Amino acid sequence: SDSVKGRFTIASDNAKNTVYLQMNRLKSED
């Protein structure tokens, strides 16, 4: 979404069947 682009990164680890959301530069609106 436009609100998180450039701050958040989604990634998958197929071996662990896990998806991550790395959230940086968090704001109160998050």
PDB file of all heavy atoms in Angstrom:
ATOM      1  N   SER A   1       0.835  -1.182   0.000  1.00  0.00           N
ATOM      2  CA  SER A   1       0.000   0.000   0.000  1.00  0.00           C
ATOM      3  C   SER A   1       0.882   1.249   0.000  1.00  0.00           C
ATOM      4  O   SER A   1       2.049   1.212   0.417  1.00  0.00           O
ATOM      5  CB  SER A   1      -0.922   0.011   1.212  1.00  0.00           C
ATOM      6  OG  SER A   1      -0.187   0.195   2.401  1.00  0.00           O
ATOM      7  N   ASP A   2       0.316   2.367  -0.452  1.00  0.00           N
ATOM      8  CA  ASP A   2       1.080   3.608  -0.487  1.00  0.00           C
ATOM      9  C   ASP A   2       1.537   4.040   0.906  1.00  0.00           C
ATOM     10  O   ASP A   2       2.603   4.646   1.058  1.00  0.00           O
ATOM     11  CB  ASP A   2       0.249   4.718  -1.125  1.00  0.00           C
ATOM     12  CG  ASP A   2       0.052   4.529  -2.612  1.00  0.00           C
ATOM     13  OD1 ASP A   2       0.823   3.767  -3.227  1.00  0.00           O
ATOM     14  OD2 ASP A   2      -0.875   5.150  -3.169  1.00  0.00           O
ATOM     15  N   SER A   3       0.760   3.726   1.934  1.00  0.00           N
ATOM     16  CA  SER A   3       1.069   4.194   3.274  1.00  0.00           C
ATOM     17  C   SER A   3       2.308   3.541   3.873  1.00  0.00           C
ATOM     18  O   SER A   3       2.912   4.104   4.786  1.00  0.00           O
ATOM     19  CB  SER A   3      -0.126   3.978   4.202  1.00  0.00           C
ATOM     20  OG  SER A   3      -0.405   2.601   4.361  1.00  0.00           O
ATOM     21  N   VAL A   4       2.698   2.356   3.389  1.00  0.00           N
ATOM     22  CA  VAL A   4       3.846   1.653   3.953  1.00  0.00           C
ATOM     23  C   VAL A   4       4.988   1.473   2.962  1.00  0.00           C
ATOM     24  O   VAL A   4       6.078   1.039   3.360  1.00  0.00           O
ATOM     25  CB  VAL A   4       3.454   0.275   4.531  1.00  0.00           C
ATOM     26  CG1 VAL A   4       2.286   0.415   5.499  1.00  0.00           C
ATOM     27  CG2 VAL A   4       3.132  -0.718   3.422  1.00  0.00           C
ATOM     28  N   LYS A   5       4.770   1.792   1.707  1.00  0.00           N
ATOM     29  CA  LYS A   5       5.797   1.594   0.682  1.00  0.00           C
ATOM     30  C   LYS A   5       7.066   2.361   1.046  1.00  0.00           C
ATOM     31  O   LYS A   5       7.017   3.542   1.379  1.00  0.00           O
ATOM     32  CB  LYS A   5       5.261   2.038  -0.674  1.00  0.00           C
ATOM     33  CG  LYS A   5       6.084   1.582  -1.866  1.00  0.00           C
ATOM     34  CD  LYS A   5       5.380   1.938  -3.179  1.00  0.00           C
ATOM     35  CE  LYS A   5       4.014   1.278  -3.278  1.00  0.00           C
ATOM     36  NZ  LYS A   5       3.312   1.610  -4.544  1.00  0.00           N
ATOM     37  N   GLY A   6       8.195   1.678   0.987  1.00  0.00           N
ATOM     38  CA  GLY A   6       9.470   2.272   1.349  1.00  0.00           C
ATOM     39  C   GLY A   6       9.839   2.112   2.807  1.00  0.00           C
ATOM     40  O   GLY A   6      10.998   2.345   3.174  1.00  0.00           O
ATOM     41  N   ARG A   7       8.882   1.738   3.661  1.00  0.00           N
ATOM     42  CA  ARG A   7       9.146   1.524   5.081  1.00  0.00           C
ATOM     43  C   ARG A   7       9.039   0.064   5.488  1.00  0.00           C
ATOM     44  O   ARG A   7       9.780  -0.384   6.360  1.00  0.00           O
ATOM     45  CB  ARG A   7       8.184   2.347   5.939  1.00  0.00           C
ATOM     46  CG  ARG A   7       8.294   3.852   5.738  1.00  0.00           C
ATOM     47  CD  ARG A   7       7.469   4.600   6.784  1.00  0.00           C
ATOM     48  NE  ARG A   7       6.038   4.304   6.666  1.00  0.00           N
ATOM     49  CZ  ARG A   7       5.284   3.803   7.653  1.00  0.00           C
ATOM     50  NH1 ARG A   7       5.829   3.541   8.843  1.00  0.00           N
ATOM     51  NH2 ARG A   7       3.992   3.581   7.466  1.00  0.00           N
ATOM     52  N   PHE A   8       8.101  -0.667   4.892  1.00  0.00           N
ATOM     53  CA  PHE A   8       7.857  -2.065   5.241  1.00  0.00           C
ATOM     54  C   PHE A   8       8.343  -2.970   4.119  1.00  0.00           C
ATOM     55  O   PHE A   8       8.286  -2.597   2.936  1.00  0.00           O
ATOM     56  CB  PHE A   8       6.367  -2.333   5.459  1.00  0.00           C
ATOM     57  CG  PHE A   8       5.747  -1.662   6.651  1.00  0.00           C
ATOM     58  CD1 PHE A   8       6.448  -0.746   7.425  1.00  0.00           C
ATOM     59  CD2 PHE A   8       4.436  -1.961   6.998  1.00  0.00           C
ATOM     60  CE1 PHE A   8       5.862  -0.131   8.518  1.00  0.00           C
ATOM     61  CE2 PHE A   8       3.838  -1.355   8.092  1.00  0.00           C
ATOM     62  CZ  PHE A   8       4.550  -0.441   8.850  1.00  0.00           C
ATOM     63  N   THR A   9       8.789  -4.171   4.481  1.00  0.00           N
ATOM     64  CA  THR A   9       9.216  -5.170   3.514  1.00  0.00           C
ATOM     65  C   THR A   9       8.610  -6.517   3.875  1.00  0.00           C
ATOM     66  O   THR A   9       8.730  -6.962   5.018  1.00  0.00           O
ATOM     67  CB  THR A   9      10.749  -5.291   3.472  1.00  0.00           C
ATOM     68  OG1 THR A   9      11.335  -4.022   3.165  1.00  0.00           O
ATOM     69  CG2 THR A   9      11.171  -6.306   2.409  1.00  0.00           C
ATOM     70  N   ILE A  10       7.963  -7.165   2.900  1.00  0.00           N
ATOM     71  CA  ILE A  10       7.422  -8.498   3.098  1.00  0.00           C
ATOM     72  C   ILE A  10       8.361  -9.500   2.441  1.00  0.00           C
ATOM     73  O   ILE A  10       8.900  -9.245   1.359  1.00  0.00           O
ATOM     74  CB  ILE A  10       5.986  -8.619   2.545  1.00  0.00           C
ATOM     75  CG1 ILE A  10       5.355  -9.959   2.944  1.00  0.00           C
ATOM     76  CG2 ILE A  10       5.937  -8.412   1.043  1.00  0.00           C
ATOM     77  CD1 ILE A  10       3.856 -10.042   2.655  1.00  0.00           C
ATOM     78  N   ALA A  11       8.582 -10.636   3.097  1.00  0.00           N
ATOM     79  CA  ALA A  11       9.465 -11.671   2.578  1.00  0.00           C
ATOM     80  C   ALA A  11       8.975 -13.032   3.044  1.00  0.00           C
ATOM     81  O   ALA A  11       8.299 -13.140   4.071  1.00  0.00           O
ATOM     82  CB  ALA A  11      10.906 -11.440   3.039  1.00  0.00           C
ATOM     83  N   SER A  12       9.318 -14.064   2.286  1.00  0.00           N
ATOM     84  CA  SER A  12       8.921 -15.423   2.632  1.00  0.00           C
ATOM     85  C   SER A  12      10.143 -16.313   2.825  1.00  0.00           C
ATOM     86  O   SER A  12      11.172 -16.120   2.182  1.00  0.00           O
ATOM     87  CB  SER A  12       8.008 -16.026   1.563  1.00  0.00           C
ATOM     88  OG  SER A  12       8.692 -16.165   0.327  1.00  0.00           O
ATOM     89  N   ASP A  13      10.021 -17.258   3.735  1.00  0.00           N
ATOM     90  CA  ASP A  13      11.011 -18.310   3.930  1.00  0.00           C
ATOM     91  C   ASP A  13      10.273 -19.619   3.705  1.00  0.00           C
ATOM     92  O   ASP A  13       9.611 -20.130   4.602  1.00  0.00           O
ATOM     93  CB  ASP A  13      11.615 -18.242   5.323  1.00  0.00           C
ATOM     94  CG  ASP A  13      12.742 -19.238   5.521  1.00  0.00           C
ATOM     95  OD1 ASP A  13      12.792 -20.255   4.806  1.00  0.00           O
ATOM     96  OD2 ASP A  13      13.589 -18.994   6.411  1.00  0.00           O
ATOM     97  N   ASN A  14      10.377 -20.151   2.483  1.00  0.00           N
ATOM     98  CA  ASN A  14       9.594 -21.333   2.123  1.00  0.00           C
ATOM     99  C   ASN A  14       9.994 -22.561   2.940  1.00  0.00           C
ATOM    100  O   ASN A  14       9.147 -23.405   3.236  1.00  0.00           O
ATOM    101  CB  ASN A  14       9.741 -21.622   0.636  1.00  0.00           C
ATOM    102  CG  ASN A  14       9.048 -20.600  -0.230  1.00  0.00           C
ATOM    103  OD1 ASN A  14       8.356 -19.698   0.264  1.00  0.00           O
ATOM    104  ND2 ASN A  14       9.212 -20.724  -1.545  1.00  0.00           N
ATOM    105  N   ALA A  15      11.265 -22.664   3.300  1.00  0.00           N
ATOM    106  CA  ALA A  15      11.722 -23.806   4.087  1.00  0.00           C
ATOM    107  C   ALA A  15      11.061 -23.841   5.459  1.00  0.00           C
ATOM    108  O   ALA A  15      10.859 -24.915   6.026  1.00  0.00           O
ATOM    109  CB  ALA A  15      13.237 -23.784   4.226  1.00  0.00           C
ATOM    110  N   LYS A  16      10.735 -22.679   6.006  1.00  0.00           N
ATOM    111  CA  LYS A  16      10.095 -22.585   7.312  1.00  0.00           C
ATOM    112  C   LYS A  16       8.592 -22.359   7.226  1.00  0.00           C
ATOM    113  O   LYS A  16       7.929 -22.254   8.269  1.00  0.00           O
ATOM    114  CB  LYS A  16      10.723 -21.463   8.134  1.00  0.00           C
ATOM    115  CG  LYS A  16      12.188 -21.682   8.473  1.00  0.00           C
ATOM    116  CD  LYS A  16      12.724 -20.544   9.321  1.00  0.00           C
ATOM    117  CE  LYS A  16      14.171 -20.784   9.713  1.00  0.00           C
ATOM    118  NZ  LYS A  16      14.708 -19.671  10.538  1.00  0.00           N
ATOM    119  N   ASN A  17       8.048 -22.268   6.002  1.00  0.00           N
ATOM    120  CA  ASN A  17       6.626 -21.959   5.808  1.00  0.00           C
ATOM    121  C   ASN A  17       6.211 -20.727   6.612  1.00  0.00           C
ATOM    122  O   ASN A  17       5.186 -20.720   7.298  1.00  0.00           O
ATOM    123  CB  ASN A  17       5.748 -23.160   6.160  1.00  0.00           C
ATOM    124  CG  ASN A  17       5.737 -24.225   5.083  1.00  0.00           C
ATOM    125  OD1 ASN A  17       6.222 -24.028   3.972  1.00  0.00           O
ATOM    126  ND2 ASN A  17       5.173 -25.375   5.408  1.00  0.00           N
ATOM    127  N   THR A  18       7.010 -19.682   6.499  1.00  0.00           N
ATOM    128  CA  THR A  18       6.793 -18.471   7.278  1.00  0.00           C
ATOM    129  C   THR A  18       6.936 -17.246   6.382  1.00  0.00           C
ATOM    130  O   THR A  18       7.829 -17.190   5.535  1.00  0.00           O
ATOM    131  CB  THR A  18       7.778 -18.380   8.450  1.00  0.00           C
ATOM    132  OG1 THR A  18       7.607 -19.517   9.304  1.00  0.00           O
ATOM    133  CG2 THR A  18       7.544 -17.117   9.271  1.00  0.00           C
ATOM    134  N   VAL A  19       6.052 -16.270   6.574  1.00  0.00           N
ATOM    135  CA  VAL A  19       6.124 -14.978   5.912  1.00  0.00           C
ATOM    136  C   VAL A  19       6.390 -13.911   6.973  1.00  0.00           C
ATOM    137  O   VAL A  19       5.792 -13.941   8.051  1.00  0.00           O
ATOM    138  CB  VAL A  19       4.834 -14.672   5.135  1.00  0.00           C
ATOM    139  CG1 VAL A  19       4.826 -13.233   4.631  1.00  0.00           C
ATOM    140  CG2 VAL A  19       4.687 -15.629   3.964  1.00  0.00           C
ATOM    141  N   TYR A  20       7.287 -12.988   6.657  1.00  0.00           N
ATOM    142  CA  TYR A  20       7.676 -11.937   7.582  1.00  0.00           C
ATOM    143  C   TYR A  20       7.241 -10.574   7.062  1.00  0.00           C
ATOM    144  O   TYR A  20       7.147 -10.343   5.860  1.00  0.00           O
ATOM    145  CB  TYR A  20       9.196 -11.929   7.780  1.00  0.00           C
ATOM    146  CG  TYR A  20       9.754 -13.242   8.266  1.00  0.00           C
ATOM    147  CD1 TYR A  20      10.281 -14.169   7.376  1.00  0.00           C
ATOM    148  CD2 TYR A  20       9.741 -13.554   9.619  1.00  0.00           C
ATOM    149  CE1 TYR A  20      10.787 -15.377   7.822  1.00  0.00           C
ATOM    150  CE2 TYR A  20      10.246 -14.758  10.069  1.00  0.00           C
ATOM    151  CZ  TYR A  20      10.769 -15.665   9.172  1.00  0.00           C
ATOM    152  OH  TYR A  20      11.273 -16.862   9.624  1.00  0.00           O
ATOM    153  N   LEU A  21       7.005  -9.660   7.989  1.00  0.00           N
ATOM    154  CA  LEU A  21       6.793  -8.261   7.664  1.00  0.00           C
ATOM    155  C   LEU A  21       7.764  -7.442   8.495  1.00  0.00           C
ATOM    156  O   LEU A  21       7.586  -7.305   9.708  1.00  0.00           O
ATOM    157  CB  LEU A  21       5.353  -7.829   7.931  1.00  0.00           C
ATOM    158  CG  LEU A  21       5.012  -6.394   7.517  1.00  0.00           C
ATOM    159  CD1 LEU A  21       5.045  -6.251   5.995  1.00  0.00           C
ATOM    160  CD2 LEU A  21       3.653  -5.972   8.059  1.00  0.00           C
ATOM    161  N   GLN A  22       8.808  -6.930   7.843  1.00  0.00           N
ATOM    162  CA  GLN A  22       9.772  -6.056   8.500  1.00  0.00           C
ATOM    163  C   GLN A  22       9.247  -4.631   8.436  1.00  0.00           C
ATOM    164  O   GLN A  22       9.055  -4.082   7.349  1.00  0.00           O
ATOM    165  CB  GLN A  22      11.140  -6.153   7.826  1.00  0.00           C
ATOM    166  CG  GLN A  22      12.207  -5.254   8.440  1.00  0.00           C
ATOM    167  CD  GLN A  22      12.562  -5.648   9.855  1.00  0.00           C
ATOM    168  OE1 GLN A  22      12.770  -6.815  10.138  1.00  0.00           O
ATOM    169  NE2 GLN A  22      12.613  -4.668  10.751  1.00  0.00           N
ATOM    170  N   MET A  23       9.012  -4.026   9.590  1.00  0.00           N
ATOM    171  CA  MET A  23       8.434  -2.693   9.686  1.00  0.00           C
ATOM    172  C   MET A  23       9.484  -1.748  10.248  1.00  0.00           C
ATOM    173  O   MET A  23       9.928  -1.905  11.384  1.00  0.00           O
ATOM    174  CB  MET A  23       7.189  -2.700  10.569  1.00  0.00           C
ATOM    175  CG  MET A  23       6.129  -3.711  10.132  1.00  0.00           C
ATOM    176  SD  MET A  23       4.596  -3.561  11.087  1.00  0.00           S
ATOM    177  CE  MET A  23       5.192  -4.068  12.704  1.00  0.00           C
ATOM    178  N   ASN A  24       9.881  -0.763   9.445  1.00  0.00           N
ATOM    179  CA  ASN A  24      10.877   0.227   9.832  1.00  0.00           C
ATOM    180  C   ASN A  24      10.261   1.613   9.850  1.00  0.00           C
ATOM    181  O   ASN A  24       9.249   1.868   9.197  1.00  0.00           O
ATOM    182  CB  ASN A  24      12.063   0.202   8.873  1.00  0.00           C
ATOM    183  CG  ASN A  24      12.797  -1.115   8.860  1.00  0.00           C
ATOM    184  OD1 ASN A  24      12.930  -1.784   9.888  1.00  0.00           O
ATOM    185  ND2 ASN A  24      13.305  -1.497   7.689  1.00  0.00           N
ATOM    186  N   ARG A  25      10.911   2.513  10.586  1.00  0.00           N
ATOM    187  CA  ARG A  25      10.460   3.910  10.677  1.00  0.00           C
ATOM    188  C   ARG A  25       8.976   3.990  11.008  1.00  0.00           C
ATOM    189  O   ARG A  25       8.198   4.675  10.334  1.00  0.00           O
ATOM    190  CB  ARG A  25      10.788   4.666   9.385  1.00  0.00           C
ATOM    191  CG  ARG A  25      12.284   4.965   9.221  1.00  0.00           C
ATOM    192  CD  ARG A  25      12.597   5.562   7.865  1.00  0.00           C
ATOM    193  NE  ARG A  25      12.745   4.515   6.860  1.00  0.00           N
ATOM    194  CZ  ARG A  25      12.178   4.524   5.673  1.00  0.00           C
ATOM    195  NH1 ARG A  25      11.423   5.530   5.297  1.00  0.00           N
ATOM    196  NH2 ARG A  25      12.381   3.521   4.844  1.00  0.00           N
ATOM    197  N   LEU A  26       8.603   3.284  12.058  1.00  0.00           N
ATOM    198  CA  LEU A  26       7.202   3.200  12.450  1.00  0.00           C
ATOM    199  C   LEU A  26       6.666   4.555  12.895  1.00  0.00           C
ATOM    200  O   LEU A  26       7.376   5.356  13.507  1.00  0.00           O
ATOM    201  CB  LEU A  26       7.028   2.174  13.562  1.00  0.00           C
ATOM    202  CG  LEU A  26       7.066   0.719  13.082  1.00  0.00           C
ATOM    203  CD1 LEU A  26       7.404  -0.217  14.227  1.00  0.00           C
ATOM    204  CD2 LEU A  26       5.727   0.339  12.450  1.00  0.00           C
ATOM    205  N   LYS A  27       5.397   4.788  12.582  1.00  0.00           N
ATOM    206  CA  LYS A  27       4.687   6.005  12.929  1.00  0.00           C
ATOM    207  C   LYS A  27       3.522   5.675  13.855  1.00  0.00           C
ATOM    208  O   LYS A  27       3.050   4.538  13.883  1.00  0.00           O
ATOM    209  CB  LYS A  27       4.138   6.693  11.671  1.00  0.00           C
ATOM    210  CG  LYS A  27       5.165   6.969  10.590  1.00  0.00           C
ATOM    211  CD  LYS A  27       4.481   7.503   9.348  1.00  0.00           C
ATOM    212  CE  LYS A  27       5.470   7.777   8.236  1.00  0.00           C
ATOM    213  NZ  LYS A  27       4.788   8.280   7.009  1.00  0.00           N
ATOM    214  N   SER A  28       3.038   6.670  14.576  1.00  0.00           N
ATOM    215  CA  SER A  28       1.886   6.450  15.440  1.00  0.00           C
ATOM    216  C   SER A  28       0.677   5.968  14.644  1.00  0.00           C
ATOM    217  O   SER A  28      -0.139   5.191  15.164  1.00  0.00           O
ATOM    218  CB  SER A  28       1.537   7.722  16.213  1.00  0.00           C
ATOM    219  OG  SER A  28       1.217   8.788  15.340  1.00  0.00           O
ATOM    220  N   GLU A  29       0.563   6.379  13.393  1.00  0.00           N
ATOM    221  CA  GLU A  29      -0.536   5.953  12.532  1.00  0.00           C
ATOM    222  C   GLU A  29      -0.500   4.460  12.207  1.00  0.00           C
ATOM    223  O   GLU A  29      -1.495   3.921  11.709  1.00  0.00           O
ATOM    224  CB  GLU A  29      -0.538   6.746  11.218  1.00  0.00           C
ATOM    225  CG  GLU A  29      -0.583   8.249  11.400  1.00  0.00           C
ATOM    226  CD  GLU A  29       0.798   8.873  11.359  1.00  0.00           C
ATOM    227  OE1 GLU A  29       1.485   8.836  12.411  1.00  0.00           O
ATOM    228  OE2 GLU A  29       1.188   9.392  10.294  1.00  0.00           O
ATOM    229  N   ASP A  30       0.632   3.795  12.453  1.00  0.00           N
ATOM    230  CA  ASP A  30       0.739   2.359  12.220  1.00  0.00           C
ATOM    231  C   ASP A  30       0.136   1.530  13.351  1.00  0.00           C
ATOM    232  O   ASP A  30       0.044   0.303  13.225  1.00  0.00           O
ATOM    233  CB  ASP A  30       2.202   1.954  12.033  1.00  0.00           C
ATOM    234  CG  ASP A  30       2.842   2.601  10.822  1.00  0.00           C
ATOM    235  OD1 ASP A  30       2.183   2.678   9.761  1.00  0.00           O
ATOM    236  OD2 ASP A  30       4.010   3.026  10.932  1.00  0.00           O
TER     237      ASP A  30
END
